[in-house]
Amino acid sequence: MTTAAFAQKQEVKKIETVVFNVEMDCQGCVKKIEKNIPFEKGVKDLQIDFKNQKVTLQYKTKSTTKEILKKAIEKLQFKVTEA
C-alpha cells in the first residue's frame, strides 16, 4: 500500500463526536431519537442522557456533518443546540 493510499484509508475512518443539548420531555422522546437517529448516514454510536438533556453522537466525517445530524434531530420536532 502506498503512503497516499494509506493516508486516504485513514481519512475514510475519521470519526468525530458531537454533543447536542436536546429538549426532551419524556422517555418517549428518548425512544423517538433512539429509533431514528442511528439510521442516519455515518452515525457510528448514539448515547442519550435524558437527565442532562444531552445526545452524544459519533459519526464518520466522510459520510455526514454535525449540521446534518442536528437537522435530523430537529426534524423529529426537538429543539437542538450544540453543547
Protein backbone atom coordinates (compact mmCIF):
# COMPACT_ATOMS: atom_id res chain seq x y z
CA MET A 1 0.00 0.00 0.00
CA THR A 2 1.40 3.39 -0.95
CA THR A 3 1.64 6.20 1.56
CA ALA A 4 -1.06 8.14 -0.29
CA ALA A 5 -3.41 5.14 -0.26
CA PHE A 6 -2.73 4.64 3.45
CA ALA A 7 -3.42 8.32 4.19
CA GLN A 8 -6.65 8.12 2.19
CA LYS A 9 -7.71 4.99 4.11
CA GLN A 10 -7.07 6.83 7.41
CA GLU A 11 -9.25 9.71 6.18
CA VAL A 12 -12.14 7.34 5.46
CA LYS A 13 -12.07 6.08 9.04
CA LYS A 14 -12.07 9.54 10.66
CA ILE A 15 -14.74 9.60 13.36
CA GLU A 16 -15.77 12.64 15.36
CA THR A 17 -18.01 13.13 18.35
CA VAL A 18 -20.59 15.86 18.79
CA VAL A 19 -22.78 16.60 21.83
CA PHE A 20 -26.14 18.30 21.43
CA ASN A 21 -28.43 19.78 24.07
CA VAL A 22 -31.85 18.39 23.19
CA GLU A 23 -35.08 19.37 24.94
CA MET A 24 -36.69 16.01 25.80
CA ASP A 25 -39.85 15.77 27.91
CA CYS A 26 -40.18 12.03 28.48
CA GLN A 27 -38.86 8.55 27.74
CA GLY A 28 -40.98 8.61 24.58
CA CYS A 29 -38.72 11.39 23.31
CA VAL A 30 -35.67 9.23 24.05
CA LYS A 31 -37.20 6.29 22.19
CA LYS A 32 -38.04 8.50 19.19
CA ILE A 33 -34.39 9.58 18.92
CA GLU A 34 -33.12 6.01 19.53
CA LYS A 35 -35.43 4.71 16.80
CA ASN A 36 -34.49 7.25 14.11
CA ILE A 37 -31.02 8.75 14.53
CA PRO A 38 -28.88 5.55 14.41
CA PHE A 39 -30.09 5.08 10.83
CA GLU A 40 -28.78 8.47 9.71
CA LYS A 41 -25.89 8.02 7.29
CA GLY A 42 -22.49 7.97 9.02
CA VAL A 43 -23.72 7.53 12.61
CA LYS A 44 -21.50 5.06 14.48
CA ASP A 45 -22.71 5.50 18.06
CA LEU A 46 -25.56 7.23 19.89
CA GLN A 47 -25.79 7.92 23.60
CA ILE A 48 -28.69 9.73 25.24
CA ASP A 49 -28.52 11.30 28.69
CA PHE A 50 -32.16 12.14 29.43
CA LYS A 51 -31.44 13.60 32.89
CA ASN A 52 -28.96 16.14 31.49
CA GLN A 53 -30.82 16.56 28.16
CA LYS A 54 -27.78 15.57 26.07
CA VAL A 55 -27.39 13.48 22.92
CA THR A 56 -23.87 12.34 22.06
CA LEU A 57 -23.18 11.10 18.54
CA GLN A 58 -20.09 9.57 17.00
CA TYR A 59 -20.10 9.88 13.23
CA LYS A 60 -17.92 9.35 10.17
CA THR A 61 -16.82 12.74 8.87
CA LYS A 62 -16.72 11.34 5.33
CA SER A 63 -20.45 10.46 5.48
CA THR A 64 -22.09 13.31 7.39
CA THR A 65 -21.60 16.53 9.35
CA LYS A 66 -22.78 17.74 12.73
CA GLU A 67 -25.07 20.22 10.95
CA ILE A 68 -26.83 17.39 9.09
CA LEU A 69 -27.20 15.41 12.32
CA LYS A 70 -28.59 18.47 14.13
CA LYS A 71 -31.18 18.91 11.37
CA ALA A 72 -32.10 15.22 11.59
CA ILE A 73 -32.90 15.60 15.32
CA GLU A 74 -34.77 18.87 14.68
CA LYS A 75 -36.83 17.09 12.03
CA LEU A 76 -38.13 14.88 14.87
CA GLN A 77 -39.60 18.07 16.46
CA PHE A 78 -36.89 18.69 19.09
CA LYS A 79 -35.16 21.94 19.98
CA VAL A 80 -31.43 21.32 19.48
CA THR A 81 -28.30 23.34 20.29
CA GLU A 82 -24.68 22.24 20.17
CA ALA A 83 -23.30 21.74 23.69
